[in-house]
N, C-alpha and C. Protein backbone atom coordinates (compact mmCIF):
# COMPACT_ATOMS: atom_id res chain seq x y z
N MET A 1 34.72 31.56 -15.64
CA MET A 1 33.97 31.86 -14.46
C MET A 1 32.65 32.48 -14.93
N ARG A 2 31.52 31.97 -14.43
CA ARG A 2 30.20 32.48 -14.80
C ARG A 2 29.77 33.54 -13.80
N LEU A 3 29.28 34.66 -14.34
CA LEU A 3 28.90 35.78 -13.49
C LEU A 3 27.39 35.93 -13.41
N PRO A 4 26.89 36.37 -12.26
CA PRO A 4 25.47 36.71 -12.14
C PRO A 4 25.23 38.06 -12.80
N PRO A 5 23.95 38.47 -12.95
CA PRO A 5 23.67 39.80 -13.52
C PRO A 5 24.33 40.90 -12.70
N ALA A 6 24.60 42.03 -13.34
CA ALA A 6 25.28 43.14 -12.68
C ALA A 6 24.55 43.58 -11.42
N ALA A 7 23.25 43.43 -11.37
CA ALA A 7 22.48 43.87 -10.21
C ALA A 7 22.84 43.08 -8.95
N SER A 8 23.48 41.94 -9.11
CA SER A 8 23.80 41.11 -7.95
C SER A 8 25.25 41.26 -7.50
N ARG A 9 25.86 42.37 -7.84
CA ARG A 9 27.25 42.61 -7.42
C ARG A 9 27.38 42.48 -5.92
N THR A 10 28.51 41.94 -5.49
CA THR A 10 28.85 41.84 -4.08
C THR A 10 29.45 43.17 -3.65
N PRO A 11 29.07 43.70 -2.49
CA PRO A 11 29.71 44.95 -2.05
C PRO A 11 31.23 44.76 -1.97
N ALA A 12 31.96 45.70 -2.52
CA ALA A 12 33.41 45.64 -2.52
C ALA A 12 33.95 46.12 -1.18
N ILE A 13 35.19 45.76 -0.89
CA ILE A 13 35.82 46.18 0.36
C ILE A 13 35.94 47.71 0.41
N PHE A 14 36.10 48.34 -0.74
CA PHE A 14 36.10 49.79 -0.85
C PHE A 14 34.98 50.19 -1.79
N HIS A 15 34.35 51.29 -1.51
CA HIS A 15 33.29 51.78 -2.37
C HIS A 15 33.86 52.78 -3.35
N PHE A 16 33.25 52.85 -4.54
CA PHE A 16 33.66 53.86 -5.50
C PHE A 16 33.37 55.23 -4.93
N PRO A 17 34.18 56.23 -5.26
CA PRO A 17 33.92 57.59 -4.77
C PRO A 17 32.55 58.07 -5.23
N ALA A 18 31.93 58.94 -4.43
CA ALA A 18 30.62 59.47 -4.77
C ALA A 18 30.66 60.24 -6.09
N ASN A 19 31.75 60.96 -6.33
CA ASN A 19 31.89 61.72 -7.56
C ASN A 19 32.74 60.93 -8.54
N THR A 20 32.15 59.85 -9.06
CA THR A 20 32.90 58.95 -9.94
C THR A 20 33.39 59.65 -11.19
N ALA A 21 32.58 60.55 -11.74
CA ALA A 21 32.98 61.21 -12.99
C ALA A 21 34.29 61.95 -12.83
N ALA A 22 34.47 62.64 -11.71
CA ALA A 22 35.72 63.39 -11.50
C ALA A 22 36.87 62.45 -11.16
N SER A 23 36.60 61.47 -10.30
CA SER A 23 37.69 60.62 -9.83
C SER A 23 38.16 59.64 -10.89
N ILE A 24 37.27 59.21 -11.77
CA ILE A 24 37.63 58.18 -12.74
C ILE A 24 38.71 58.67 -13.71
N TRP A 25 38.73 59.97 -13.97
CA TRP A 25 39.72 60.48 -14.91
C TRP A 25 41.04 60.80 -14.24
N SER A 26 41.12 60.62 -12.92
CA SER A 26 42.36 60.93 -12.23
C SER A 26 43.25 59.71 -12.02
N GLY A 27 42.81 58.55 -12.39
CA GLY A 27 43.63 57.36 -12.13
C GLY A 27 43.30 56.20 -13.03
N GLY A 28 42.98 55.06 -12.39
CA GLY A 28 42.76 53.81 -13.13
C GLY A 28 41.66 53.89 -14.16
N GLY A 29 40.61 54.66 -13.87
CA GLY A 29 39.52 54.79 -14.83
C GLY A 29 39.98 55.40 -16.13
N ARG A 30 40.82 56.43 -16.02
CA ARG A 30 41.36 57.07 -17.22
C ARG A 30 42.16 56.04 -18.02
N ALA A 31 42.93 55.23 -17.32
CA ALA A 31 43.74 54.21 -18.00
C ALA A 31 42.84 53.19 -18.68
N ALA A 32 41.76 52.78 -18.00
CA ALA A 32 40.85 51.79 -18.59
C ALA A 32 40.21 52.33 -19.86
N PHE A 33 39.71 53.57 -19.81
CA PHE A 33 39.09 54.15 -21.00
C PHE A 33 40.09 54.36 -22.11
N SER A 34 41.29 54.79 -21.78
CA SER A 34 42.32 54.99 -22.80
C SER A 34 42.74 53.68 -23.44
N SER A 35 42.83 52.62 -22.63
CA SER A 35 43.20 51.32 -23.21
C SER A 35 42.10 50.80 -24.11
N ILE A 36 40.84 51.09 -23.78
CA ILE A 36 39.73 50.70 -24.66
C ILE A 36 39.87 51.41 -25.99
N ASN A 37 40.23 52.69 -25.97
CA ASN A 37 40.44 53.42 -27.22
C ASN A 37 41.56 52.82 -28.03
N THR A 38 42.61 52.32 -27.36
CA THR A 38 43.72 51.67 -28.05
C THR A 38 43.25 50.44 -28.83
N LEU A 39 42.21 49.78 -28.30
CA LEU A 39 41.67 48.59 -28.96
C LEU A 39 40.81 48.93 -30.16
N GLY A 40 40.58 50.23 -30.38
CA GLY A 40 39.78 50.63 -31.54
C GLY A 40 38.28 50.66 -31.26
N ILE A 41 37.89 50.60 -30.00
CA ILE A 41 36.47 50.67 -29.65
C ILE A 41 36.06 52.13 -29.72
N PRO A 42 35.07 52.44 -30.55
CA PRO A 42 34.67 53.84 -30.71
C PRO A 42 34.10 54.43 -29.43
N ARG A 43 34.40 55.70 -29.19
CA ARG A 43 33.87 56.42 -28.03
C ARG A 43 32.35 56.33 -28.05
N GLY A 44 31.79 55.99 -26.89
CA GLY A 44 30.33 55.93 -26.76
C GLY A 44 29.70 54.60 -27.12
N ASP A 45 30.48 53.63 -27.59
CA ASP A 45 29.94 52.31 -27.94
C ASP A 45 29.80 51.48 -26.67
N LYS A 46 28.67 51.67 -25.98
CA LYS A 46 28.47 51.05 -24.67
C LYS A 46 28.45 49.52 -24.74
N ALA A 47 27.93 48.96 -25.82
CA ALA A 47 27.90 47.50 -25.97
C ALA A 47 29.33 46.96 -26.07
N ALA A 48 30.18 47.65 -26.82
CA ALA A 48 31.57 47.21 -26.96
C ALA A 48 32.33 47.41 -25.65
N TYR A 49 32.03 48.50 -24.92
CA TYR A 49 32.64 48.71 -23.60
C TYR A 49 32.28 47.54 -22.68
N ALA A 50 31.02 47.17 -22.70
CA ALA A 50 30.55 46.08 -21.82
C ALA A 50 31.23 44.76 -22.18
N ARG A 51 31.34 44.47 -23.49
CA ARG A 51 32.03 43.23 -23.91
C ARG A 51 33.47 43.23 -23.43
N GLN A 52 34.13 44.38 -23.55
CA GLN A 52 35.53 44.47 -23.12
C GLN A 52 35.63 44.32 -21.60
N ALA A 53 34.69 44.91 -20.86
CA ALA A 53 34.71 44.80 -19.40
C ALA A 53 34.58 43.33 -18.97
N LEU A 54 33.82 42.54 -19.72
CA LEU A 54 33.68 41.12 -19.39
C LEU A 54 34.99 40.35 -19.52
N GLU A 55 35.94 40.90 -20.27
CA GLU A 55 37.24 40.24 -20.40
C GLU A 55 37.95 40.12 -19.06
N ASN A 56 37.58 40.98 -18.08
CA ASN A 56 38.12 40.83 -16.72
C ASN A 56 37.88 39.41 -16.22
N PHE A 57 36.74 38.83 -16.56
CA PHE A 57 36.34 37.55 -16.02
C PHE A 57 36.81 36.38 -16.89
N ASN A 58 37.44 36.71 -18.01
CA ASN A 58 38.20 35.74 -18.80
C ASN A 58 39.68 35.96 -18.55
N PHE A 59 39.99 36.82 -17.57
CA PHE A 59 41.36 37.15 -17.18
C PHE A 59 42.17 37.68 -18.36
N PHE A 60 41.48 38.37 -19.26
CA PHE A 60 42.09 38.99 -20.44
C PHE A 60 42.91 37.98 -21.25
N GLY A 61 42.50 36.73 -21.21
CA GLY A 61 43.18 35.70 -21.99
C GLY A 61 44.47 35.20 -21.36
N ALA A 62 44.82 35.69 -20.18
CA ALA A 62 46.05 35.24 -19.52
C ALA A 62 45.87 33.80 -19.04
N PRO A 63 46.94 33.02 -19.03
CA PRO A 63 46.82 31.63 -18.61
C PRO A 63 46.72 31.43 -17.10
N HIS A 64 47.04 32.47 -16.32
CA HIS A 64 47.07 32.33 -14.87
C HIS A 64 46.42 33.54 -14.21
N VAL A 65 45.90 33.32 -13.01
CA VAL A 65 45.38 34.43 -12.22
C VAL A 65 45.71 34.19 -10.75
N ALA A 66 46.11 35.26 -10.08
CA ALA A 66 46.29 35.22 -8.63
C ALA A 66 45.12 36.01 -8.05
N ILE A 67 44.39 35.40 -7.14
CA ILE A 67 43.31 36.11 -6.46
C ILE A 67 43.89 36.65 -5.15
N VAL A 68 43.90 37.95 -5.03
CA VAL A 68 44.47 38.59 -3.85
C VAL A 68 43.32 38.85 -2.88
N HIS A 69 43.44 38.27 -1.68
CA HIS A 69 42.36 38.39 -0.71
C HIS A 69 42.94 38.53 0.68
N THR A 70 42.11 39.01 1.60
CA THR A 70 42.54 39.27 2.96
C THR A 70 41.48 38.79 3.94
N ASP A 71 41.88 38.60 5.16
CA ASP A 71 40.95 38.23 6.22
C ASP A 71 40.03 39.42 6.49
N GLU A 72 38.75 39.19 6.46
CA GLU A 72 37.76 40.24 6.67
C GLU A 72 38.00 41.00 7.98
N ALA A 73 38.47 40.29 9.01
CA ALA A 73 38.70 40.91 10.32
C ALA A 73 39.77 41.98 10.30
N LEU A 74 40.64 41.97 9.31
CA LEU A 74 41.71 42.97 9.21
C LEU A 74 41.22 44.29 8.64
N GLY A 75 40.06 44.29 8.02
CA GLY A 75 39.50 45.52 7.46
C GLY A 75 40.41 46.15 6.43
N VAL A 76 40.41 47.48 6.44
CA VAL A 76 41.17 48.22 5.45
C VAL A 76 42.67 47.94 5.57
N TYR A 77 43.15 47.59 6.75
CA TYR A 77 44.58 47.32 6.92
C TYR A 77 45.02 46.07 6.16
N GLY A 78 44.13 45.11 6.05
CA GLY A 78 44.43 43.94 5.24
C GLY A 78 44.56 44.31 3.77
N ALA A 79 43.71 45.23 3.32
CA ALA A 79 43.78 45.68 1.93
C ALA A 79 45.08 46.45 1.67
N VAL A 80 45.50 47.24 2.64
CA VAL A 80 46.77 47.96 2.50
C VAL A 80 47.92 46.96 2.35
N ASP A 81 47.93 45.92 3.17
CA ASP A 81 48.94 44.88 3.04
C ASP A 81 48.90 44.24 1.66
N CYS A 82 47.70 44.01 1.17
CA CYS A 82 47.55 43.41 -0.16
C CYS A 82 48.13 44.31 -1.24
N GLY A 83 47.99 45.63 -1.07
CA GLY A 83 48.56 46.56 -2.04
C GLY A 83 50.07 46.40 -2.15
N GLY A 84 50.72 46.22 -1.02
CA GLY A 84 52.17 45.97 -1.05
C GLY A 84 52.50 44.67 -1.76
N TYR A 85 51.68 43.65 -1.51
CA TYR A 85 51.90 42.37 -2.16
C TYR A 85 51.72 42.49 -3.67
N VAL A 86 50.65 43.17 -4.08
CA VAL A 86 50.37 43.33 -5.52
C VAL A 86 51.55 44.01 -6.21
N THR A 87 52.07 45.07 -5.60
CA THR A 87 53.22 45.78 -6.17
C THR A 87 54.42 44.85 -6.30
N SER A 88 54.74 44.12 -5.25
CA SER A 88 55.89 43.21 -5.28
C SER A 88 55.70 42.12 -6.32
N PHE A 89 54.51 41.55 -6.39
CA PHE A 89 54.20 40.49 -7.35
C PHE A 89 54.43 41.01 -8.78
N MET A 90 53.87 42.19 -9.06
CA MET A 90 53.95 42.72 -10.42
C MET A 90 55.39 43.08 -10.80
N LEU A 91 56.14 43.64 -9.87
CA LEU A 91 57.54 43.97 -10.17
C LEU A 91 58.38 42.72 -10.37
N ALA A 92 58.17 41.70 -9.55
CA ALA A 92 58.91 40.44 -9.71
C ALA A 92 58.56 39.78 -11.03
N ALA A 93 57.27 39.79 -11.38
CA ALA A 93 56.86 39.20 -12.66
C ALA A 93 57.52 39.93 -13.83
N GLN A 94 57.48 41.26 -13.79
CA GLN A 94 58.08 42.04 -14.87
C GLN A 94 59.57 41.73 -15.00
N ALA A 95 60.27 41.56 -13.89
CA ALA A 95 61.69 41.24 -13.93
C ALA A 95 61.95 39.91 -14.63
N LEU A 96 60.96 39.04 -14.60
CA LEU A 96 61.08 37.73 -15.25
C LEU A 96 60.48 37.71 -16.66
N GLY A 97 60.04 38.86 -17.15
CA GLY A 97 59.46 38.94 -18.49
C GLY A 97 58.00 38.49 -18.55
N VAL A 98 57.35 38.45 -17.40
CA VAL A 98 55.95 38.03 -17.33
C VAL A 98 55.08 39.28 -17.22
N ALA A 99 54.05 39.35 -18.05
CA ALA A 99 53.13 40.49 -18.03
C ALA A 99 52.05 40.27 -16.98
N THR A 100 51.57 41.36 -16.39
CA THR A 100 50.53 41.28 -15.36
C THR A 100 49.43 42.30 -15.65
N ILE A 101 48.23 41.98 -15.18
CA ILE A 101 47.09 42.89 -15.27
C ILE A 101 46.38 42.87 -13.93
N PRO A 102 46.49 43.95 -13.14
CA PRO A 102 45.72 43.99 -11.90
C PRO A 102 44.25 44.24 -12.21
N GLN A 103 43.35 43.58 -11.49
CA GLN A 103 41.94 43.62 -11.83
C GLN A 103 41.06 43.83 -10.60
N ALA A 104 40.75 45.07 -10.31
CA ALA A 104 39.86 45.38 -9.19
C ALA A 104 38.43 44.93 -9.47
N ALA A 105 38.07 44.78 -10.73
CA ALA A 105 36.69 44.40 -11.09
C ALA A 105 36.27 43.07 -10.46
N LEU A 106 37.23 42.20 -10.18
CA LEU A 106 36.87 40.91 -9.59
C LEU A 106 36.27 41.06 -8.20
N ALA A 107 36.63 42.14 -7.49
CA ALA A 107 36.09 42.35 -6.15
C ALA A 107 34.59 42.62 -6.16
N PHE A 108 34.07 43.10 -7.28
CA PHE A 108 32.63 43.37 -7.37
C PHE A 108 31.79 42.10 -7.42
N HIS A 109 32.42 41.01 -7.68
CA HIS A 109 31.74 39.71 -7.71
C HIS A 109 32.46 38.74 -6.79
N SER A 110 32.79 39.21 -5.61
CA SER A 110 33.60 38.40 -4.70
C SER A 110 32.91 37.09 -4.30
N ASP A 111 31.57 37.08 -4.20
CA ASP A 111 30.88 35.81 -3.90
C ASP A 111 31.17 34.77 -4.97
N VAL A 112 31.12 35.18 -6.22
CA VAL A 112 31.38 34.26 -7.34
C VAL A 112 32.84 33.82 -7.31
N VAL A 113 33.74 34.78 -7.09
CA VAL A 113 35.18 34.47 -7.04
C VAL A 113 35.47 33.50 -5.90
N ARG A 114 34.91 33.78 -4.72
CA ARG A 114 35.14 32.87 -3.58
C ARG A 114 34.62 31.46 -3.89
N ALA A 115 33.42 31.37 -4.45
CA ALA A 115 32.86 30.05 -4.77
C ALA A 115 33.70 29.33 -5.83
N HIS A 116 34.08 30.06 -6.87
CA HIS A 116 34.83 29.45 -7.98
C HIS A 116 36.19 28.92 -7.53
N PHE A 117 36.86 29.68 -6.64
CA PHE A 117 38.21 29.31 -6.22
C PHE A 117 38.25 28.65 -4.84
N GLY A 118 37.09 28.39 -4.24
CA GLY A 118 37.05 27.69 -2.96
C GLY A 118 37.58 28.49 -1.79
N LEU A 119 37.35 29.79 -1.80
CA LEU A 119 37.79 30.64 -0.69
C LEU A 119 36.70 30.71 0.38
N ALA A 120 37.10 30.81 1.62
CA ALA A 120 36.14 30.89 2.73
C ALA A 120 35.38 32.21 2.68
N ASP A 121 34.20 32.23 3.28
CA ASP A 121 33.35 33.42 3.28
C ASP A 121 33.96 34.60 4.02
N ASP A 122 34.93 34.34 4.91
CA ASP A 122 35.53 35.45 5.66
C ASP A 122 36.71 36.09 4.91
N ARG A 123 36.90 35.71 3.67
CA ARG A 123 37.97 36.29 2.85
C ARG A 123 37.39 37.43 2.02
N GLN A 124 38.01 38.60 2.08
CA GLN A 124 37.63 39.75 1.26
C GLN A 124 38.49 39.74 0.01
N VAL A 125 37.85 39.65 -1.14
CA VAL A 125 38.59 39.70 -2.40
C VAL A 125 38.95 41.15 -2.68
N VAL A 126 40.24 41.42 -2.81
CA VAL A 126 40.73 42.77 -3.06
C VAL A 126 40.86 43.00 -4.56
N CYS A 127 41.47 42.04 -5.25
CA CYS A 127 41.65 42.15 -6.70
C CYS A 127 42.17 40.82 -7.22
N GLY A 128 42.33 40.75 -8.50
CA GLY A 128 43.01 39.63 -9.14
C GLY A 128 44.22 40.19 -9.88
N ILE A 129 45.15 39.32 -10.17
CA ILE A 129 46.28 39.68 -11.04
C ILE A 129 46.38 38.58 -12.09
N SER A 130 45.99 38.90 -13.31
CA SER A 130 46.16 37.94 -14.40
C SER A 130 47.59 38.07 -14.90
N PHE A 131 48.18 36.93 -15.25
CA PHE A 131 49.58 37.01 -15.66
C PHE A 131 49.95 35.89 -16.62
N GLY A 132 50.97 36.18 -17.42
CA GLY A 132 51.50 35.24 -18.40
C GLY A 132 52.47 35.98 -19.30
N TYR A 133 53.05 35.27 -20.24
CA TYR A 133 53.95 35.94 -21.17
C TYR A 133 53.12 36.77 -22.13
N PRO A 134 53.55 38.00 -22.40
CA PRO A 134 52.72 38.90 -23.20
C PRO A 134 52.65 38.51 -24.67
N ASP A 135 51.49 38.80 -25.26
CA ASP A 135 51.30 38.71 -26.70
C ASP A 135 51.62 40.09 -27.24
N ARG A 136 52.84 40.29 -27.66
CA ARG A 136 53.30 41.63 -28.05
C ARG A 136 52.56 42.17 -29.28
N ALA A 137 51.93 41.30 -30.04
CA ALA A 137 51.19 41.74 -31.22
C ALA A 137 49.80 42.28 -30.87
N HIS A 138 49.30 41.99 -29.67
CA HIS A 138 47.96 42.46 -29.29
C HIS A 138 47.99 43.97 -29.06
N LYS A 139 47.00 44.66 -29.62
CA LYS A 139 46.96 46.13 -29.53
C LYS A 139 47.03 46.64 -28.09
N ALA A 140 46.35 45.97 -27.18
CA ALA A 140 46.31 46.45 -25.79
C ALA A 140 47.70 46.46 -25.16
N ASN A 141 48.59 45.61 -25.61
CA ASN A 141 49.91 45.54 -25.01
C ASN A 141 50.84 46.66 -25.45
N GLY A 142 50.39 47.46 -26.40
CA GLY A 142 51.16 48.63 -26.82
C GLY A 142 50.80 49.87 -26.03
N TYR A 143 49.73 49.80 -25.25
CA TYR A 143 49.26 50.96 -24.48
C TYR A 143 50.08 51.12 -23.20
N ARG A 144 50.43 52.34 -22.87
CA ARG A 144 51.14 52.64 -21.63
C ARG A 144 50.39 53.76 -20.90
N THR A 145 50.19 53.57 -19.63
CA THR A 145 49.49 54.58 -18.84
C THR A 145 50.43 55.73 -18.51
N THR A 146 49.83 56.84 -18.15
CA THR A 146 50.61 57.96 -17.66
C THR A 146 50.64 57.87 -16.14
N ARG A 147 51.54 58.58 -15.53
CA ARG A 147 51.67 58.57 -14.08
C ARG A 147 51.60 60.00 -13.55
N ALA A 148 51.03 60.13 -12.39
CA ALA A 148 51.01 61.43 -11.72
C ALA A 148 52.43 61.78 -11.32
N ALA A 149 52.71 63.06 -11.28
CA ALA A 149 54.01 63.52 -10.78
C ALA A 149 54.11 63.16 -9.30
N ILE A 150 55.30 62.87 -8.83
CA ILE A 150 55.50 62.52 -7.42
C ILE A 150 54.94 63.60 -6.52
N ALA A 151 55.13 64.86 -6.89
CA ALA A 151 54.64 65.97 -6.07
C ALA A 151 53.11 65.96 -5.96
N ASP A 152 52.42 65.37 -6.92
CA ASP A 152 50.96 65.29 -6.87
C ASP A 152 50.47 64.12 -6.03
N ALA A 153 51.35 63.17 -5.76
CA ALA A 153 50.94 61.95 -5.06
C ALA A 153 51.51 61.81 -3.64
N ALA A 154 52.55 62.57 -3.33
CA ALA A 154 53.20 62.42 -2.03
C ALA A 154 53.75 63.76 -1.57
N ARG A 155 53.83 63.90 -0.26
CA ARG A 155 54.49 65.07 0.33
C ARG A 155 55.62 64.57 1.20
N PHE A 156 56.76 65.22 1.10
CA PHE A 156 57.93 64.85 1.88
C PHE A 156 58.23 65.96 2.88
N PHE A 157 58.58 65.55 4.10
CA PHE A 157 58.83 66.50 5.17
C PHE A 157 60.22 66.28 5.75
N ASP A 158 60.92 67.35 6.01
CA ASP A 158 62.18 67.26 6.72
C ASP A 158 61.88 67.30 8.21
N LYS A 159 62.80 66.75 9.02
CA LYS A 159 62.59 66.76 10.48
C LYS A 159 62.50 68.16 11.01
């Protein structure tokens, strides 16, 4: 898939938080930077970071990609539905020994994604999921993310 310059990004269905520096280390951003370190890319090597980021658009070498999209008219609720689908897809794939990589970066170029895959203009690209059998020898496949404690992510109430 050929991408336009970064300046021509398509507005995503969700915007990055205003305080990206603080929020990026609390979730997926921390995982992305940590996985880059696993690949041996030195801290601060912006050219190498950029090359690695472009792997999103080569689907990280996976043989397949699912483009997860929703009807624009559904707004944020369509994206919430997609989140449930993404979770189910990834768990089912894992049960079958298939590796998955969720890719929010594809939403930043949704015009290109829609054109490449023949999606209508009223479809909001939420993310992609690249998938295939894992290359267990690849350094990135040895990396595991950390998870927030349940108490940090959810509150439970008794009646």
